[in-house]
Amino acid sequence: MGKAEYLIVLAACVLVTLPLEAAGARVYRRPKRLARAVLPMAAVFLVWDALAIAGGVWHYAPEFVTGIHAPFSVPLEEILFFVVIPVCGLLTYEMVQLTLTVFQRRGDRRAARR
């Protein structure tokens, strides 16, 4: 896989959770809410990453990243990580909530029939 390995993992995360949007999670359909949920924490962690890289606390193995860097030497893949993974988490959370609501309603209907 080489230099595309990190990007491939991120793409796989998106592909695995994308059907949840079609099933009713409605995360992508509410972009303002999505941005409010993801961007503040992404900004905090990107600053943290930039400081850690500048301080020599950690680095990214060049054989696993494309070599495209934002300011402060943060790799493109790491920027995408802080957006993609929270979005996938939100998709999963929303689908679990929807599923629980459906089961709760079914249970309520069954109880009402008794």
C-alpha atoms as a PDB file:
ATOM      1  CA  MET A   1       0.000   0.000   0.000  1.00  0.00           C
ATOM      2  CA  GLY A   2       2.833   2.369   0.800  1.00  0.00           C
ATOM      3  CA  LYS A   3       2.232   6.101   0.683  1.00  0.00           C
ATOM      4  CA  ALA A   4      -1.513   5.733   0.176  1.00  0.00           C
ATOM      5  CA  GLU A   5      -2.039   3.462   3.185  1.00  0.00           C
ATOM      6  CA  TYR A   6      -3.387   6.146   5.547  1.00  0.00           C
ATOM      7  CA  LEU A   7      -5.687   7.529   2.825  1.00  0.00           C
ATOM      8  CA  ILE A   8      -6.967   4.046   1.995  1.00  0.00           C
ATOM      9  CA  VAL A   9      -7.875   3.410   5.634  1.00  0.00           C
ATOM     10  CA  LEU A  10      -9.739   6.738   5.797  1.00  0.00           C
ATOM     11  CA  ALA A  11     -11.549   5.982   2.531  1.00  0.00           C
ATOM     12  CA  ALA A  12     -12.541   2.557   3.868  1.00  0.00           C
ATOM     13  CA  CYS A  13     -14.004   4.198   6.982  1.00  0.00           C
ATOM     14  CA  VAL A  14     -16.091   6.513   4.801  1.00  0.00           C
ATOM     15  CA  LEU A  15     -17.241   3.691   2.523  1.00  0.00           C
ATOM     16  CA  VAL A  16     -18.251   1.464   5.436  1.00  0.00           C
ATOM     17  CA  THR A  17     -20.335   4.178   7.117  1.00  0.00           C
ATOM     18  CA  LEU A  18     -21.731   5.879   3.995  1.00  0.00           C
ATOM     19  CA  PRO A  19     -24.726   3.513   3.735  1.00  0.00           C
ATOM     20  CA  LEU A  20     -25.809   4.707   7.186  1.00  0.00           C
ATOM     21  CA  GLU A  21     -26.634   8.106   5.675  1.00  0.00           C
ATOM     22  CA  ALA A  22     -28.888   6.479   3.091  1.00  0.00           C
ATOM     23  CA  ALA A  23     -30.487   4.382   5.846  1.00  0.00           C
ATOM     24  CA  GLY A  24     -31.587   7.500   7.688  1.00  0.00           C
ATOM     25  CA  ALA A  25     -28.719   8.834   9.818  1.00  0.00           C
ATOM     26  CA  ARG A  26     -29.067  12.300   8.194  1.00  0.00           C
ATOM     27  CA  VAL A  27     -25.602  13.558   9.135  1.00  0.00           C
ATOM     28  CA  TYR A  28     -24.542  14.890   5.719  1.00  0.00           C
ATOM     29  CA  ARG A  29     -27.972  16.479   5.221  1.00  0.00           C
ATOM     30  CA  ARG A  30     -27.335  18.850   8.125  1.00  0.00           C
ATOM     31  CA  PRO A  31     -23.981  20.428   7.220  1.00  0.00           C
ATOM     32  CA  LYS A  32     -24.130  23.297   9.726  1.00  0.00           C
ATOM     33  CA  ARG A  33     -24.761  20.897  12.592  1.00  0.00           C
ATOM     34  CA  LEU A  34     -22.015  18.605  11.302  1.00  0.00           C
ATOM     35  CA  ALA A  35     -19.543  21.483  11.109  1.00  0.00           C
ATOM     36  CA  ARG A  36     -20.416  22.624  14.653  1.00  0.00           C
ATOM     37  CA  ALA A  37     -19.824  19.101  15.916  1.00  0.00           C
ATOM     38  CA  VAL A  38     -16.577  18.337  14.084  1.00  0.00           C
ATOM     39  CA  LEU A  39     -14.627  21.509  13.382  1.00  0.00           C
ATOM     40  CA  PRO A  40     -13.966  22.836  16.910  1.00  0.00           C
ATOM     41  CA  MET A  41     -12.404  19.586  18.095  1.00  0.00           C
ATOM     42  CA  ALA A  42     -10.582  19.097  14.803  1.00  0.00           C
ATOM     43  CA  ALA A  43      -9.017  22.531  15.265  1.00  0.00           C
ATOM     44  CA  VAL A  44      -7.929  21.716  18.831  1.00  0.00           C
ATOM     45  CA  PHE A  45      -6.330  18.428  17.825  1.00  0.00           C
ATOM     46  CA  LEU A  46      -4.667  19.910  14.742  1.00  0.00           C
ATOM     47  CA  VAL A  47      -3.032  22.574  16.915  1.00  0.00           C
ATOM     48  CA  TRP A  48      -1.981  19.832  19.321  1.00  0.00           C
ATOM     49  CA  ASP A  49      -0.509  17.824  16.433  1.00  0.00           C
ATOM     50  CA  ALA A  50       1.311  20.858  15.043  1.00  0.00           C
ATOM     51  CA  LEU A  51       2.824  21.617  18.456  1.00  0.00           C
ATOM     52  CA  ALA A  52       3.861  18.000  18.992  1.00  0.00           C
ATOM     53  CA  ILE A  53       5.481  17.844  15.549  1.00  0.00           C
ATOM     54  CA  ALA A  54       7.275  21.177  16.073  1.00  0.00           C
ATOM     55  CA  GLY A  55       8.449  20.025  19.494  1.00  0.00           C
ATOM     56  CA  GLY A  56       9.782  16.750  18.136  1.00  0.00           C
ATOM     57  CA  VAL A  57       7.372  14.702  20.256  1.00  0.00           C
ATOM     58  CA  TRP A  58       6.223  12.717  17.229  1.00  0.00           C
ATOM     59  CA  HIS A  59       6.404  12.535  13.482  1.00  0.00           C
ATOM     60  CA  TYR A  60       4.712  10.701  10.640  1.00  0.00           C
ATOM     61  CA  ALA A  61       6.574   7.982   8.789  1.00  0.00           C
ATOM     62  CA  PRO A  62       7.119   9.288   5.260  1.00  0.00           C
ATOM     63  CA  GLU A  63       6.596   5.824   3.772  1.00  0.00           C
ATOM     64  CA  PHE A  64       2.927   5.894   4.884  1.00  0.00           C
ATOM     65  CA  VAL A  65       1.874   9.443   3.993  1.00  0.00           C
ATOM     66  CA  THR A  66       1.656  11.218   0.647  1.00  0.00           C
ATOM     67  CA  GLY A  67       4.079  13.968   1.578  1.00  0.00           C
ATOM     68  CA  ILE A  68       1.467  16.710   1.227  1.00  0.00           C
ATOM     69  CA  HIS A  69       1.651  18.863   4.342  1.00  0.00           C
ATOM     70  CA  ALA A  70      -0.341  21.778   5.667  1.00  0.00           C
ATOM     71  CA  PRO A  71       1.384  24.586   7.503  1.00  0.00           C
ATOM     72  CA  PHE A  72       3.311  23.448  10.589  1.00  0.00           C
ATOM     73  CA  SER A  73       4.172  20.091   8.952  1.00  0.00           C
ATOM     74  CA  VAL A  74       0.815  18.412   9.639  1.00  0.00           C
ATOM     75  CA  PRO A  75       0.266  15.776   6.923  1.00  0.00           C
ATOM     76  CA  LEU A  76      -2.856  15.927   4.765  1.00  0.00           C
ATOM     77  CA  GLU A  77      -3.873  12.500   6.043  1.00  0.00           C
ATOM     78  CA  GLU A  78      -3.871  13.713   9.645  1.00  0.00           C
ATOM     79  CA  ILE A  79      -6.079  16.681   8.772  1.00  0.00           C
ATOM     80  CA  LEU A  80      -8.490  14.329   7.023  1.00  0.00           C
ATOM     81  CA  PHE A  81      -8.378  11.959  10.007  1.00  0.00           C
ATOM     82  CA  PHE A  82      -9.733  14.663  12.316  1.00  0.00           C
ATOM     83  CA  VAL A  83     -12.680  15.183   9.962  1.00  0.00           C
ATOM     84  CA  VAL A  84     -13.375  11.697   8.592  1.00  0.00           C
ATOM     85  CA  ILE A  85     -13.304   9.714  11.837  1.00  0.00           C
ATOM     86  CA  PRO A  86     -15.639  12.039  13.773  1.00  0.00           C
ATOM     87  CA  VAL A  87     -18.060  12.092  10.824  1.00  0.00           C
ATOM     88  CA  CYS A  88     -18.029   8.285  10.737  1.00  0.00           C
ATOM     89  CA  GLY A  89     -18.624   8.265  14.480  1.00  0.00           C
ATOM     90  CA  LEU A  90     -21.553  10.658  14.127  1.00  0.00           C
ATOM     91  CA  LEU A  91     -23.056   8.528  11.360  1.00  0.00           C
ATOM     92  CA  THR A  92     -22.803   5.462  13.572  1.00  0.00           C
ATOM     93  CA  TYR A  93     -24.223   7.271  16.603  1.00  0.00           C
ATOM     94  CA  GLU A  94     -27.173   8.686  14.655  1.00  0.00           C
ATOM     95  CA  MET A  95     -27.972   5.270  13.191  1.00  0.00           C
ATOM     96  CA  VAL A  96     -27.875   3.643  16.625  1.00  0.00           C
ATOM     97  CA  GLN A  97     -30.200   6.364  17.942  1.00  0.00           C
ATOM     98  CA  LEU A  98     -32.580   5.839  15.016  1.00  0.00           C
ATOM     99  CA  THR A  99     -32.541   2.077  15.521  1.00  0.00           C
ATOM    100  CA  LEU A 100     -33.245   2.392  19.236  1.00  0.00           C
ATOM    101  CA  THR A 101     -36.122   4.778  18.515  1.00  0.00           C
ATOM    102  CA  VAL A 102     -37.654   2.319  16.041  1.00  0.00           C
ATOM    103  CA  PHE A 103     -37.398  -0.547  18.534  1.00  0.00           C
ATOM    104  CA  GLN A 104     -38.841   1.633  21.301  1.00  0.00           C
ATOM    105  CA  ARG A 105     -41.828   2.554  19.132  1.00  0.00           C
ATOM    106  CA  ARG A 106     -42.425  -1.093  18.252  1.00  0.00           C
ATOM    107  CA  GLY A 107     -42.323  -1.994  21.907  1.00  0.00           C
ATOM    108  CA  ASP A 108     -44.748   0.815  22.762  1.00  0.00           C
ATOM    109  CA  ARG A 109     -47.179  -0.359  20.067  1.00  0.00           C
ATOM    110  CA  ARG A 110     -47.020  -3.941  21.315  1.00  0.00           C
ATOM    111  CA  ALA A 111     -47.653  -2.819  24.886  1.00  0.00           C
ATOM    112  CA  ALA A 112     -50.621  -0.679  23.787  1.00  0.00           C
ATOM    113  CA  ARG A 113     -52.220  -3.682  22.031  1.00  0.00           C
ATOM    114  CA  ARG A 114     -52.196  -5.789  25.211  1.00  0.00           C
END
